[in-house]
Every structure is written in C-alpha cells, then in structure tokens.
Amino acid sequence: MGPGSADVARPVVDLTRKDVSFKWTELHTQAVRQLKQRLTDFTTLQVPDTTKPFELYTDASGYAIGAVMEQDGRPIGFLSQVMNLTQQKYSIYDQELLKLVMALEKWSHLLRVSKDKRARLPALVVGLPTTGSSPDFVRNDLDDATCRPHLHLRRRNPTQICGI
C-alpha cells in the first residue's frame, strides 16, 4: 500500500497482540480510514525493464521496515512490514541489515536478471549468483546519513596481503 503503511497500521496491528486488551478507539478508526485512503490512492506500479538499472531505497524505524524498488524514478514495488517483538529488540545495525535482506529477498527475482558491476555484495547477503545483479543501492536518501554505520572497503594489492 505504499511507503509508511506499516506506521499507519501500527495501532490496529497492536490490537492483535496477546498482551493487549482489545479496546477500539478513534485512533484505530483513523488508522483504518488512512489505510483505505492509501488503497484508493495507490501509486500505479511500473512494469520493470530488466535491461535498465534498479534503485532500492530502504528504511527501518525501530518497529517497522520499509523499502521502495524504483526504476527511472518510478515505483516498481513497495515493502512495508511491522517488525515482530524479537526484531524490535535487534540493535540498530541488525535492523538496518534486516531491512536490506528483506528487500533483496522480496525482489530477488528481478535482481537475478539485471546486470550490475556491484553484484557481489548482495550475493554475499542473500546468496544471489555473483554473475547476477544488484540494485543501485549506493545512495539511500531515506536514511539519516549522520547516524548510520558506514562500511569503507579498500582494494589491496594481493602481494601485500600474502607478503610476497
């Protein structure tokens, strides 16, 4: 239903938990109305073109995961899911990895077809073939770059590693 749907649905989802007594309030009514509105206003998804690169945008809020797969600035698909209680207890780093793994699993059927020079990184994460594909996930505009972990890799000369 689009990005942020898990956030909108959270009050209703919380009612399904065993440790919560069921009490319907105006907050729940508003959440259902917003979800209905999102269904009627849903963005038209584009048919993917496997000859063009994909862009994957992800975010984790501490209790929900969201992702958008785009091509040429147009959405191909959305992922929005509330984390279970165990996932909510994950560290921020693990939640960030979880969102990426879930998004790559959701769209692996597209990613296996596309060609990309950076195909090895998602292959390590979810077992995609190294001759396969990856989305263009160098940029992530949804994340706050100042508080996210960064991984800097530097290619070394093989002779420096082996000591030859």
Protein backbone atom coordinates (compact mmCIF):
# COMPACT_ATOMS: atom_id res chain seq x y z
CA MET A 1 0.00 0.00 0.00
CA GLY A 2 2.98 2.29 -0.25
CA PRO A 3 5.74 3.57 1.97
CA GLY A 4 4.81 4.18 5.59
CA SER A 5 1.85 1.82 5.59
CA ALA A 6 3.28 -0.16 8.48
CA ASP A 7 3.43 3.04 10.53
CA VAL A 8 -0.20 3.83 9.72
CA ALA A 9 -1.32 0.27 10.52
CA ARG A 10 0.59 0.01 13.79
CA PRO A 11 -2.34 0.91 16.12
CA VAL A 12 -4.51 -1.78 14.52
CA VAL A 13 -1.70 -4.35 14.47
CA ASP A 14 -1.04 -3.68 18.17
CA LEU A 15 -4.60 -4.79 18.94
CA THR A 16 -3.77 -8.30 17.68
CA ARG A 17 -1.13 -8.89 20.36
CA LYS A 18 -1.93 -11.30 23.18
CA ASP A 19 -0.76 -8.94 25.93
CA VAL A 20 -3.02 -6.06 24.80
CA SER A 21 -6.68 -5.80 25.72
CA PHE A 22 -8.90 -5.08 22.75
CA LYS A 23 -10.26 -1.56 23.01
CA TRP A 24 -11.21 0.22 19.77
CA THR A 25 -10.62 3.98 19.88
CA GLU A 26 -10.73 6.91 17.49
CA LEU A 27 -7.01 6.30 16.81
CA HIS A 28 -7.85 2.87 15.37
CA THR A 29 -10.70 4.27 13.29
CA GLN A 30 -8.37 6.93 11.85
CA ALA A 31 -5.74 4.28 11.04
CA VAL A 32 -8.29 2.17 9.14
CA ARG A 33 -9.53 5.23 7.24
CA GLN A 34 -5.98 6.18 6.28
CA LEU A 35 -5.27 2.64 5.10
CA LYS A 36 -8.44 2.66 2.99
CA GLN A 37 -7.43 6.01 1.50
CA ARG A 38 -3.97 4.65 0.68
CA LEU A 39 -5.57 1.71 -1.11
CA THR A 40 -7.69 4.01 -3.27
CA ASP A 41 -4.83 6.45 -3.95
CA PHE A 42 -2.27 3.72 -4.53
CA THR A 43 0.52 4.66 -6.89
CA THR A 44 0.45 2.81 -10.18
CA LEU A 45 3.36 0.41 -10.25
CA GLN A 46 5.56 0.26 -13.32
CA VAL A 47 6.44 -2.91 -15.18
CA PRO A 48 10.17 -3.50 -14.62
CA ASP A 49 12.57 -3.33 -17.55
CA THR A 50 15.38 -5.79 -16.79
CA THR A 51 17.72 -4.03 -19.23
CA LYS A 52 17.77 -0.90 -17.03
CA PRO A 53 19.25 -0.46 -13.53
CA PHE A 54 17.09 -0.60 -10.42
CA GLU A 55 17.19 1.70 -7.40
CA LEU A 56 16.42 0.37 -3.94
CA TYR A 57 15.55 2.68 -1.04
CA THR A 58 15.15 1.21 2.45
CA ASP A 59 14.47 2.39 5.98
CA ALA A 60 13.92 0.90 9.43
CA SER A 61 12.13 2.86 12.15
CA GLY A 62 12.71 0.65 15.18
CA TYR A 63 9.36 -1.12 14.82
CA ALA A 64 8.78 -1.21 11.05
CA ILE A 65 10.69 -1.80 7.84
CA GLY A 66 10.04 -0.05 4.56
CA ALA A 67 11.53 -0.27 1.08
CA VAL A 68 10.83 1.02 -2.40
CA MET A 69 12.18 -0.53 -5.60
CA GLU A 70 12.28 2.03 -8.41
CA GLN A 71 13.35 2.31 -12.00
CA ASP A 72 13.74 5.67 -13.71
CA GLY A 73 12.21 7.31 -10.62
CA ARG A 74 9.01 5.27 -10.87
CA PRO A 75 7.98 2.67 -8.28
CA ILE A 76 8.11 -1.00 -9.18
CA GLY A 77 7.15 -2.22 -5.74
CA PHE A 78 6.83 -1.37 -2.06
CA LEU A 79 7.69 -3.28 1.09
CA SER A 80 6.22 -2.22 4.42
CA GLN A 81 6.26 -4.55 7.39
CA VAL A 82 5.95 -4.23 11.15
CA MET A 83 8.82 -5.99 12.95
CA ASN A 84 7.95 -8.71 15.42
CA LEU A 85 8.95 -8.22 19.07
CA THR A 86 12.22 -10.09 18.64
CA GLN A 87 13.22 -7.99 15.62
CA GLN A 88 12.35 -4.79 17.51
CA LYS A 89 14.99 -5.77 20.09
CA TYR A 90 17.70 -6.04 17.43
CA SER A 91 20.48 -3.46 17.51
CA ILE A 92 20.19 -0.59 15.04
CA TYR A 93 22.87 -2.23 12.89
CA ASP A 94 20.97 -5.52 12.78
CA GLN A 95 17.70 -3.73 11.93
CA GLU A 96 19.49 -1.93 9.10
CA LEU A 97 20.78 -5.26 7.79
CA LEU A 98 17.34 -6.86 8.23
CA LYS A 99 15.67 -4.21 6.04
CA LEU A 100 18.23 -4.77 3.30
CA VAL A 101 17.97 -8.57 3.44
CA MET A 102 14.16 -8.46 3.37
CA ALA A 103 14.15 -6.08 0.39
CA LEU A 104 16.70 -8.14 -1.53
CA GLU A 105 14.70 -11.32 -0.85
CA LYS A 106 11.46 -9.67 -1.97
CA TRP A 107 12.90 -8.54 -5.30
CA SER A 108 15.46 -11.31 -5.89
CA HIS A 109 13.51 -12.47 -8.97
CA LEU A 110 14.26 -9.10 -10.60
CA LEU A 111 17.79 -8.80 -9.28
CA ARG A 112 18.89 -12.12 -10.72
CA VAL A 113 18.16 -10.86 -14.24
CA SER A 114 19.69 -7.39 -14.16
CA LYS A 115 23.41 -6.85 -14.83
CA ASP A 116 25.49 -4.82 -12.41
CA LYS A 117 29.18 -4.48 -11.62
CA ARG A 118 28.47 -4.48 -7.87
CA ALA A 119 26.69 -7.84 -7.86
CA ARG A 120 28.96 -9.43 -5.26
CA LEU A 121 27.62 -7.50 -2.24
CA PRO A 122 24.01 -8.73 -2.41
CA ALA A 123 25.33 -12.15 -3.36
CA LEU A 124 27.07 -12.27 0.00
CA VAL A 125 23.94 -11.13 1.82
CA VAL A 126 21.23 -13.34 0.29
CA GLY A 127 23.02 -15.84 -1.91
CA LEU A 128 22.37 -14.27 -5.30
CA PRO A 129 24.64 -15.56 -8.06
CA THR A 130 27.80 -13.44 -8.36
CA THR A 131 27.26 -13.15 -12.10
CA GLY A 132 23.79 -11.83 -11.40
CA SER A 133 22.61 -8.48 -10.31
CA SER A 134 22.06 -5.89 -7.66
CA PRO A 135 20.03 -2.73 -7.35
CA ASP A 136 21.79 0.60 -7.42
CA PHE A 137 21.84 0.97 -3.64
CA VAL A 138 24.87 3.23 -3.33
CA ARG A 139 22.55 6.13 -2.40
CA ASN A 140 19.94 5.84 0.29
CA ASP A 141 18.05 9.12 0.57
CA LEU A 142 15.65 7.75 3.18
CA ASP A 143 18.35 7.23 5.81
CA ASP A 144 19.86 9.87 8.03
CA ALA A 145 23.48 9.55 6.96
CA THR A 146 24.85 11.06 10.17
CA CYS A 147 23.61 8.22 12.37
CA ARG A 148 24.05 5.19 10.13
CA PRO A 149 27.03 2.85 10.09
CA HIS A 150 29.29 3.07 7.07
CA LEU A 151 31.50 0.37 5.63
CA HIS A 152 34.58 1.55 3.79
CA LEU A 153 36.33 -1.08 1.70
CA ARG A 154 39.71 -0.56 0.10
CA ARG A 155 41.16 -2.88 -2.51
CA ARG A 156 44.62 -4.13 -1.60
CA ASN A 157 47.36 -5.45 -3.76
CA PRO A 158 47.39 -9.28 -3.41
CA THR A 159 51.15 -9.22 -2.83
CA GLN A 160 50.65 -7.01 0.24
CA ILE A 161 48.19 -9.49 1.71
CA CYS A 162 50.32 -12.59 1.09
CA GLY A 163 53.61 -10.90 1.92
CA ILE A 164 55.19 -11.88 -1.40
